[in-house]
């Protein structure tokens, strides 16, 4: 009976998949509101195309690497258990496709469109599912080794490390390979142009879409109705609030920080949302909100890392903090439900970062050497990719005519 899935389970995980699919609109509008107006069309088109390429890569390659499933068998094998495995693929695809959506925000405004789609295919087809299989499907015996060494496996309920830290650290590699936008910094290291967000309303809309969808991201990671827990929803709420309020204070009422604060909190609580006490979730989210504000400011102003949406601080660092926080606030001594070991959380988080960094440098380094990643000066001056803007300009001319 363990493998039996009801039609209600199919509907449950389908609704979760749809909620997370909607989050990709949040990624799009968050980027749309942050980049300059000349790059808004590119941001919208890029997120949708990245998702489509991710689907192909994950269906034919990535899902098989992570879970050993082959979808190329007969149709009858695909509809057993009310087609649950098909919907589970859809659900987990929305997680996988978050990797290029995260990276997209870091490399915005100077990356070539075609090479980024190629990077999406390689990341979702090979790099992400390699670690996904380790963390969520017992691949290569690493989880068993952690349990033997430290008493518990690495625990990441909804992807603080598997999704967000991996995406954020891949994004850091991509940003470093690309370099800063032209005109962003002086040659002597000073800041030449701040490039403020083009639309706070669009940025806020993107943040709100992500916040709402995140309750599907976290709660429905249970994957079946019998495992659903209201504690996960409560912890997600508390982490979101903690991230918002700390970002409000440390960010000195800056609307960009205020709307990224809740996202930082939600990134961090994913791993331990099923284990923590709500007070632990509040603290986890608050630390994440502060971490984002401080590290975004340092990366942009002191270290001159031109990470447009701050995906490394938001996803990479807050995701890593979430993996570690699960080992702290998930412990019974701090009000959690237990079943976690701090050293396993530390080791699993470090492994995810190492795989993401290595994979990011390999993928973007190979593409840079083979076809180039960077727009030329004219393309960057006029917009993120002239080929996309030609479509927009053509449509505008037809409308005017």
Protein backbone atom coordinates (compact mmCIF):
# COMPACT_ATOMS: atom_id res chain seq x y z
CA UNK A 1 0.00 0.00 0.00
CA UNK A 2 3.03 2.31 0.32
CA UNK A 3 3.03 3.12 -3.40
CA UNK A 4 -0.74 3.58 -3.63
CA UNK A 5 -1.75 7.10 -4.56
CA UNK A 6 -5.33 8.39 -4.56
CA UNK A 7 -6.86 10.82 -7.02
CA UNK A 8 -6.88 13.32 -4.15
CA UNK A 9 -3.08 12.99 -3.92
CA UNK A 10 -2.84 13.68 -7.64
CA UNK A 11 -4.95 16.81 -7.27
CA UNK A 12 -2.98 17.90 -4.21
CA UNK A 13 0.41 17.76 -5.88
CA UNK A 14 -1.02 19.19 -9.13
CA UNK A 15 -2.24 22.26 -7.25
CA UNK A 16 1.22 22.59 -5.73
CA UNK A 17 2.81 22.40 -9.17
CA UNK A 18 0.46 25.10 -10.46
CA UNK A 19 1.23 27.38 -7.51
CA UNK A 20 4.97 27.03 -8.09
CA UNK A 21 4.50 27.49 -11.84
CA UNK A 22 2.85 30.80 -10.96
CA UNK A 23 5.96 31.70 -8.96
CA UNK A 24 7.85 31.91 -12.25
CA UNK A 25 5.67 34.91 -13.08
CA UNK A 26 6.97 36.31 -9.78
CA UNK A 27 10.57 35.76 -10.90
CA UNK A 28 9.73 37.53 -14.16
CA UNK A 29 8.12 40.60 -12.58
CA UNK A 30 10.77 40.85 -9.86
CA UNK A 31 13.41 41.03 -12.58
CA UNK A 32 11.22 43.25 -14.76
CA UNK A 33 10.85 45.81 -11.97
CA UNK A 34 14.54 45.76 -11.06
CA UNK A 35 16.24 46.06 -14.48
CA UNK A 36 16.27 49.22 -16.56
CA UNK A 37 13.34 49.82 -18.93
CA UNK A 38 15.35 48.97 -22.04
CA UNK A 39 15.82 45.42 -20.70
CA UNK A 40 12.26 44.68 -19.56
CA UNK A 41 11.18 42.83 -22.71
CA UNK A 42 14.22 40.58 -22.48
CA UNK A 43 13.47 39.77 -18.83
CA UNK A 44 9.93 38.64 -19.61
CA UNK A 45 10.84 36.54 -22.64
CA UNK A 46 13.86 34.99 -20.94
CA UNK A 47 11.95 33.56 -17.95
CA UNK A 48 9.29 31.90 -20.13
CA UNK A 49 11.84 30.45 -22.56
CA UNK A 50 14.05 29.26 -19.70
CA UNK A 51 11.09 27.36 -18.25
CA UNK A 52 10.36 25.72 -21.60
CA UNK A 53 13.97 24.64 -22.11
CA UNK A 54 14.05 23.40 -18.50
CA UNK A 55 11.03 21.18 -19.19
CA UNK A 56 12.74 19.49 -22.12
CA UNK A 57 16.04 19.05 -20.26
CA UNK A 58 14.39 17.69 -17.11
CA UNK A 59 11.98 15.37 -18.93
CA UNK A 60 14.55 13.70 -21.16
CA UNK A 61 17.65 13.84 -18.91
CA UNK A 62 17.46 15.47 -15.48
CA UNK A 63 14.60 13.57 -13.86
CA UNK A 64 16.22 10.31 -14.86
CA UNK A 65 19.53 11.32 -13.30
CA UNK A 66 17.84 12.33 -10.05
CA UNK A 67 15.30 9.52 -9.71
CA UNK A 68 16.18 6.84 -12.28
CA UNK A 69 12.83 7.22 -14.06
CA UNK A 70 12.44 6.65 -17.81
CA UNK A 71 9.43 8.35 -19.37
CA UNK A 72 10.01 6.85 -22.82
CA UNK A 73 8.20 3.61 -22.02
CA UNK A 74 4.65 2.80 -23.14
CA UNK A 75 1.75 5.08 -22.30
CA UNK A 76 0.09 2.53 -19.99
CA UNK A 77 3.03 2.72 -17.57
CA UNK A 78 2.55 6.47 -17.26
CA UNK A 79 -1.02 6.45 -15.96
CA UNK A 80 -0.68 4.00 -13.07
CA UNK A 81 -1.55 5.42 -9.63
CA UNK A 82 -3.90 7.85 -11.42
CA UNK A 83 -0.92 9.33 -13.25
CA UNK A 84 0.64 10.44 -9.97
CA UNK A 85 4.20 10.04 -11.25
CA UNK A 86 3.45 12.39 -14.14
CA UNK A 87 2.16 15.09 -11.83
CA UNK A 88 5.08 14.52 -9.46
CA UNK A 89 7.40 15.18 -12.41
CA UNK A 90 5.53 18.44 -13.09
CA UNK A 91 5.84 19.43 -9.44
CA UNK A 92 9.57 18.71 -9.25
CA UNK A 93 10.13 20.35 -12.65
CA UNK A 94 8.92 23.64 -11.23
CA UNK A 95 11.66 23.34 -8.61
CA UNK A 96 14.30 22.51 -11.21
CA UNK A 97 13.27 25.38 -13.45
CA UNK A 98 13.82 27.78 -10.55
CA UNK A 99 17.59 27.33 -11.04
CA UNK A 100 17.81 29.29 -14.34
CA UNK A 101 15.13 31.70 -13.08
CA UNK A 102 17.38 32.51 -10.12
CA UNK A 103 20.49 32.81 -12.27
CA UNK A 104 18.63 35.05 -14.70
CA UNK A 105 18.30 37.80 -12.11
CA UNK A 106 22.02 37.86 -11.38
CA UNK A 107 23.23 38.06 -14.99
CA UNK A 108 20.52 40.42 -16.22
CA UNK A 109 21.25 43.25 -18.66
CA UNK A 110 24.44 41.91 -20.26
CA UNK A 111 24.09 38.19 -20.98
CA UNK A 112 23.41 36.88 -24.48
CA UNK A 113 20.05 35.19 -24.91
CA UNK A 114 21.10 32.05 -26.82
CA UNK A 115 24.01 31.02 -24.58
CA UNK A 116 21.82 31.47 -21.52
CA UNK A 117 19.28 29.03 -22.93
CA UNK A 118 22.12 26.57 -23.55
CA UNK A 119 23.26 27.06 -19.95
CA UNK A 120 19.70 26.42 -18.76
CA UNK A 121 19.64 23.08 -20.58
CA UNK A 122 22.95 21.97 -19.08
CA UNK A 123 22.13 23.14 -15.55
CA UNK A 124 18.67 21.55 -15.40
CA UNK A 125 19.68 18.48 -17.37
CA UNK A 126 22.86 17.61 -15.46
CA UNK A 127 24.10 19.84 -12.60
CA UNK A 128 20.94 20.36 -10.55
CA UNK A 129 19.62 16.76 -10.73
CA UNK A 130 23.03 15.42 -9.67
CA UNK A 131 22.68 17.08 -6.26
CA UNK A 132 18.90 16.59 -6.19
CA UNK A 133 19.45 12.83 -6.43
CA UNK A 134 21.94 12.95 -3.56
CA UNK A 135 19.70 14.98 -1.26
CA UNK A 136 16.27 13.57 -2.13
CA UNK A 137 16.84 10.11 -3.60
CA UNK A 138 19.71 8.51 -1.65
CA UNK A 139 22.06 8.64 -4.66
CA UNK A 140 25.70 7.57 -4.30
CA UNK A 141 25.28 6.53 -0.66
CA UNK A 142 26.09 10.01 0.67
CA UNK A 143 22.98 10.30 2.84
CA UNK A 144 23.70 6.87 4.34
CA UNK A 145 27.28 7.94 5.07
CA UNK A 146 26.06 11.10 6.83
CA UNK A 147 23.64 9.09 8.93
CA UNK A 148 26.36 6.63 9.90
CA UNK A 149 28.73 9.46 10.82
CA UNK A 150 26.41 11.94 12.54
CA UNK A 151 23.24 10.02 13.38
CA UNK A 152 20.90 11.67 10.86
CA UNK A 153 20.73 12.33 7.14
CA UNK A 154 20.95 15.78 5.57
CA UNK A 155 17.45 17.26 5.80
CA UNK A 156 16.12 19.74 3.25
CA UNK A 157 12.36 19.51 3.22
CA UNK A 158 11.57 22.03 0.47
CA UNK A 159 14.88 23.06 -1.04
CA UNK A 160 16.72 25.79 0.87
CA UNK A 161 19.93 24.17 -0.33
CA UNK A 162 18.80 21.84 -3.14
CA UNK A 163 17.04 24.64 -5.04
CA UNK A 164 17.97 28.04 -3.65
CA UNK A 165 21.57 27.67 -2.54
CA UNK A 166 22.40 25.73 -5.69
CA UNK A 167 20.76 28.40 -7.86
CA UNK A 168 22.40 31.24 -5.96
CA UNK A 169 25.93 29.79 -6.08
CA UNK A 170 25.59 28.88 -9.77
CA UNK A 171 24.45 32.49 -10.22
CA UNK A 172 27.57 33.77 -8.47
CA UNK A 173 29.77 31.77 -10.85
CA UNK A 174 27.85 33.15 -13.84
CA UNK A 175 28.09 36.75 -12.60
CA UNK A 176 31.84 36.43 -12.04
CA UNK A 177 32.32 34.93 -15.53
CA UNK A 178 30.35 37.76 -17.15
CA UNK A 179 31.73 40.72 -15.24
CA UNK A 180 29.91 43.92 -14.36
CA UNK A 181 27.60 45.85 -16.65
CA UNK A 182 29.27 48.56 -18.68
CA UNK A 183 29.12 51.85 -16.83
CA UNK A 184 28.41 50.23 -13.47
CA UNK A 185 31.86 50.82 -11.95
CA UNK A 186 34.80 53.08 -12.75
CA UNK A 187 38.11 51.51 -13.71
CA UNK A 188 39.52 52.63 -10.36
CA UNK A 189 36.77 50.63 -8.59
CA UNK A 190 34.41 53.49 -7.77
CA UNK A 191 30.68 53.25 -8.44
CA UNK A 192 29.78 54.94 -11.72
CA UNK A 193 26.03 54.29 -11.93
CA UNK A 194 23.59 52.92 -9.37
CA UNK A 195 20.98 51.70 -11.90
CA UNK A 196 17.96 51.97 -9.57
CA UNK A 197 14.89 49.74 -10.11
CA UNK A 198 12.81 50.80 -13.10
CA UNK A 199 9.45 49.97 -11.51
CA UNK A 200 8.78 49.51 -7.80
CA UNK A 201 5.17 48.40 -8.52
CA UNK A 202 6.38 45.60 -10.82
CA UNK A 203 9.07 44.63 -8.31
CA UNK A 204 6.46 44.51 -5.55
CA UNK A 205 4.07 42.51 -7.73
CA UNK A 206 6.80 39.97 -8.41
CA UNK A 207 7.57 39.69 -4.70
CA UNK A 208 3.90 39.17 -3.80
CA UNK A 209 3.41 36.49 -6.47
CA UNK A 210 6.45 34.66 -5.10
CA UNK A 211 5.24 35.00 -1.50
CA UNK A 212 1.83 33.50 -2.27
CA UNK A 213 3.26 30.71 -4.42
CA UNK A 214 5.78 29.86 -1.73
CA UNK A 215 3.06 28.31 0.41
CA UNK A 216 2.67 25.74 -2.36
CA UNK A 217 6.44 25.42 -2.60
CA UNK A 218 6.73 24.58 1.09
CA UNK A 219 3.43 23.05 2.23
CA UNK A 220 2.92 20.86 -0.82
CA UNK A 221 6.43 19.47 -0.65
CA UNK A 222 4.67 16.89 1.53
CA UNK A 223 3.57 15.49 -1.89
CA UNK A 224 0.64 13.48 -0.48
CA UNK A 225 -2.37 14.54 1.57
CA UNK A 226 -1.60 12.23 4.50
CA UNK A 227 1.72 14.03 5.10
CA UNK A 228 0.44 17.60 4.98
CA UNK A 229 1.16 19.71 8.05
CA UNK A 230 -0.18 23.08 9.10
CA UNK A 231 3.11 23.63 10.95
CA UNK A 232 4.81 24.16 7.58
CA UNK A 233 2.38 26.91 6.64
CA UNK A 234 2.80 28.60 10.02
CA UNK A 235 6.59 28.43 9.85
CA UNK A 236 6.56 29.83 6.32
CA UNK A 237 4.41 32.73 7.50
CA UNK A 238 6.63 33.50 10.49
CA UNK A 239 9.85 33.35 8.45
CA UNK A 240 8.34 35.66 5.85
CA UNK A 241 7.36 38.17 8.53
CA UNK A 242 10.75 37.97 10.23
CA UNK A 243 12.59 38.57 6.96
CA UNK A 244 10.35 41.53 6.11
CA UNK A 245 10.71 43.36 9.42
CA UNK A 246 14.48 42.95 9.73
CA UNK A 247 14.97 44.05 6.11
CA UNK A 248 12.74 47.06 6.81
CA UNK A 249 14.89 48.17 9.74
CA UNK A 250 18.35 47.39 8.35
CA UNK A 251 17.39 48.54 4.87
CA UNK A 252 16.15 51.88 6.24
CA UNK A 253 12.71 51.58 4.61
CA UNK A 254 14.15 50.96 1.14
CA UNK A 255 11.31 49.35 -0.89
CA UNK A 256 13.72 47.02 -2.70
CA UNK A 257 14.96 45.60 0.57
CA UNK A 258 11.46 45.47 2.07
CA UNK A 259 10.17 43.35 -0.80
CA UNK A 260 13.20 41.05 -0.90
CA UNK A 261 13.19 40.56 2.88
CA UNK A 262 10.21 38.19 2.91
CA UNK A 263 11.77 36.22 0.06
CA UNK A 264 14.99 35.86 2.06
CA UNK A 265 13.01 34.54 5.01
CA UNK A 266 11.10 32.07 2.87
CA UNK A 267 14.28 30.84 1.17
CA UNK A 268 15.82 30.14 4.57
CA UNK A 269 12.86 28.34 6.12
CA UNK A 270 12.36 25.83 3.28
CA UNK A 271 14.79 23.27 4.69
CA UNK A 272 13.40 23.06 8.22
CA UNK A 273 9.83 24.27 7.78
CA UNK A 274 8.50 20.84 8.75
CA UNK A 275 10.57 20.65 11.94
CA UNK A 276 10.98 24.08 13.52
CA UNK A 277 8.93 25.77 16.20
CA UNK A 278 7.33 28.94 14.78
CA UNK A 279 9.60 31.08 16.98
CA UNK A 280 12.60 29.31 15.45
CA UNK A 281 11.17 30.02 12.00
CA UNK A 282 10.73 33.69 12.92
CA UNK A 283 14.38 33.92 13.97
CA UNK A 284 15.54 32.01 10.89
CA UNK A 285 13.65 34.41 8.64
CA UNK A 286 14.86 37.47 10.53
CA UNK A 287 18.50 36.42 10.25
CA UNK A 288 17.97 35.81 6.52
CA UNK A 289 16.44 39.26 6.02
CA UNK A 290 19.42 40.89 7.71
CA UNK A 291 21.86 38.69 5.83
CA UNK A 292 20.39 39.77 2.51
CA UNK A 293 20.53 43.50 3.25
CA UNK A 294 24.10 43.41 4.57
CA UNK A 295 25.53 41.10 1.93
CA UNK A 296 23.74 42.74 -1.00
CA UNK A 297 25.24 46.07 0.05
CA UNK A 298 28.71 44.57 0.43
CA UNK A 299 28.66 42.74 -2.89
CA UNK A 300 27.47 45.78 -4.82
CA UNK A 301 29.43 48.56 -3.15
CA UNK A 302 32.58 47.10 -1.63
CA UNK A 303 33.32 43.93 -3.59
CA UNK A 304 32.04 45.31 -6.94
CA UNK A 305 30.14 42.12 -7.81
CA UNK A 306 27.39 43.25 -10.18
CA UNK A 307 24.68 40.80 -9.17
CA UNK A 308 21.65 42.72 -10.45
CA UNK A 309 18.91 41.19 -8.29
CA UNK A 310 21.22 40.03 -5.51
CA UNK A 311 20.62 36.35 -6.23
CA UNK A 312 23.79 35.23 -4.44
CA UNK A 313 22.90 36.93 -1.13
CA UNK A 314 19.18 36.12 -1.45
CA UNK A 315 19.29 32.54 -2.66
CA UNK A 316 22.90 31.43 -2.25
CA UNK A 317 23.64 32.73 1.24
CA UNK A 318 20.13 32.66 2.69
CA UNK A 319 19.64 29.17 1.26
CA UNK A 320 22.87 28.00 2.89
CA UNK A 321 21.79 29.62 6.15
CA UNK A 322 18.48 27.76 5.87
CA UNK A 323 20.24 24.41 5.56
CA UNK A 324 22.28 25.13 8.67
CA UNK A 325 19.33 26.68 10.55
CA UNK A 326 17.37 23.44 10.11
CA UNK A 327 20.08 21.73 12.14
CA UNK A 328 19.82 24.38 14.86
CA UNK A 329 16.12 25.17 15.25
CA UNK A 330 14.97 21.71 14.20
CA UNK A 331 16.59 20.27 17.32
CA UNK A 332 14.30 19.33 20.21
CA UNK A 333 16.41 21.43 22.59
CA UNK A 334 15.24 24.55 20.72
CA UNK A 335 11.60 23.54 20.36
CA UNK A 336 11.91 21.60 17.11
CA UNK A 337 10.71 18.10 16.33
CA UNK A 338 14.21 16.60 16.11
CA UNK A 339 15.46 14.13 13.53
CA UNK A 340 18.26 16.42 12.35
CA UNK A 341 21.97 16.63 13.07
CA UNK A 342 23.88 19.89 12.85
CA UNK A 343 26.96 18.30 11.29
CA UNK A 344 24.91 16.56 8.62
CA UNK A 345 23.27 19.89 7.78
CA UNK A 346 26.64 21.57 7.58
CA UNK A 347 28.12 18.83 5.39
CA UNK A 348 25.11 18.63 3.08
CA UNK A 349 25.01 22.40 2.67
CA UNK A 350 28.74 22.55 1.89
CA UNK A 351 28.38 19.76 -0.66
CA UNK A 352 25.53 21.58 -2.41
CA UNK A 353 27.59 24.78 -2.58
CA UNK A 354 30.63 22.92 -3.95
CA UNK A 355 28.59 21.19 -6.68
CA UNK A 356 26.85 24.44 -7.62
CA UNK A 357 30.07 26.45 -7.84
CA UNK A 358 31.90 23.76 -9.80
CA UNK A 359 28.93 23.22 -12.11
CA UNK A 360 28.43 26.94 -12.64
CA UNK A 361 32.04 27.58 -13.56
CA UNK A 362 32.15 24.52 -15.84
CA UNK A 363 28.93 25.40 -17.70
CA UNK A 364 29.49 29.13 -18.06
CA UNK A 365 33.23 28.75 -18.58
CA UNK A 366 32.69 26.29 -21.43
CA UNK A 367 30.05 28.49 -23.06
CA UNK A 368 32.24 31.56 -22.67
CA UNK A 369 35.11 29.80 -24.41
CA UNK A 370 32.93 28.25 -27.13
CA UNK A 371 30.42 30.95 -28.12
CA UNK A 372 30.80 33.85 -25.69
CA UNK A 373 28.41 34.99 -22.97
CA UNK A 374 28.53 38.75 -23.14
CA UNK A 375 26.62 41.19 -25.32
CA UNK A 376 28.75 43.57 -27.35
CA UNK A 377 28.82 47.26 -26.44
CA UNK A 378 26.07 48.30 -28.87
CA UNK A 379 23.69 45.54 -27.77
CA UNK A 380 24.24 46.30 -24.11
CA UNK A 381 23.74 50.02 -24.67
CA UNK A 382 20.46 49.52 -26.55
CA UNK A 383 19.05 46.65 -24.50
CA UNK A 384 19.82 43.20 -23.15
CA UNK A 385 19.40 41.49 -26.53
CA UNK A 386 18.67 43.27 -29.81
CA UNK A 387 16.98 40.22 -31.31
CA UNK A 388 14.30 40.36 -28.61
CA UNK A 389 13.89 44.12 -28.90
CA UNK A 390 13.52 43.84 -32.67
CA UNK A 391 10.40 41.76 -32.03
CA UNK A 392 9.08 44.44 -29.71
CA UNK A 393 10.00 47.26 -32.08
CA UNK A 394 8.37 45.47 -35.01
CA UNK A 395 5.14 45.01 -33.07
CA UNK A 396 5.19 48.67 -32.05
CA UNK A 397 5.61 49.82 -35.65
CA UNK A 398 2.66 47.70 -36.76
CA UNK A 399 0.53 49.15 -33.97
CA UNK A 400 1.50 52.72 -34.86
CA UNK A 401 0.84 52.11 -38.55
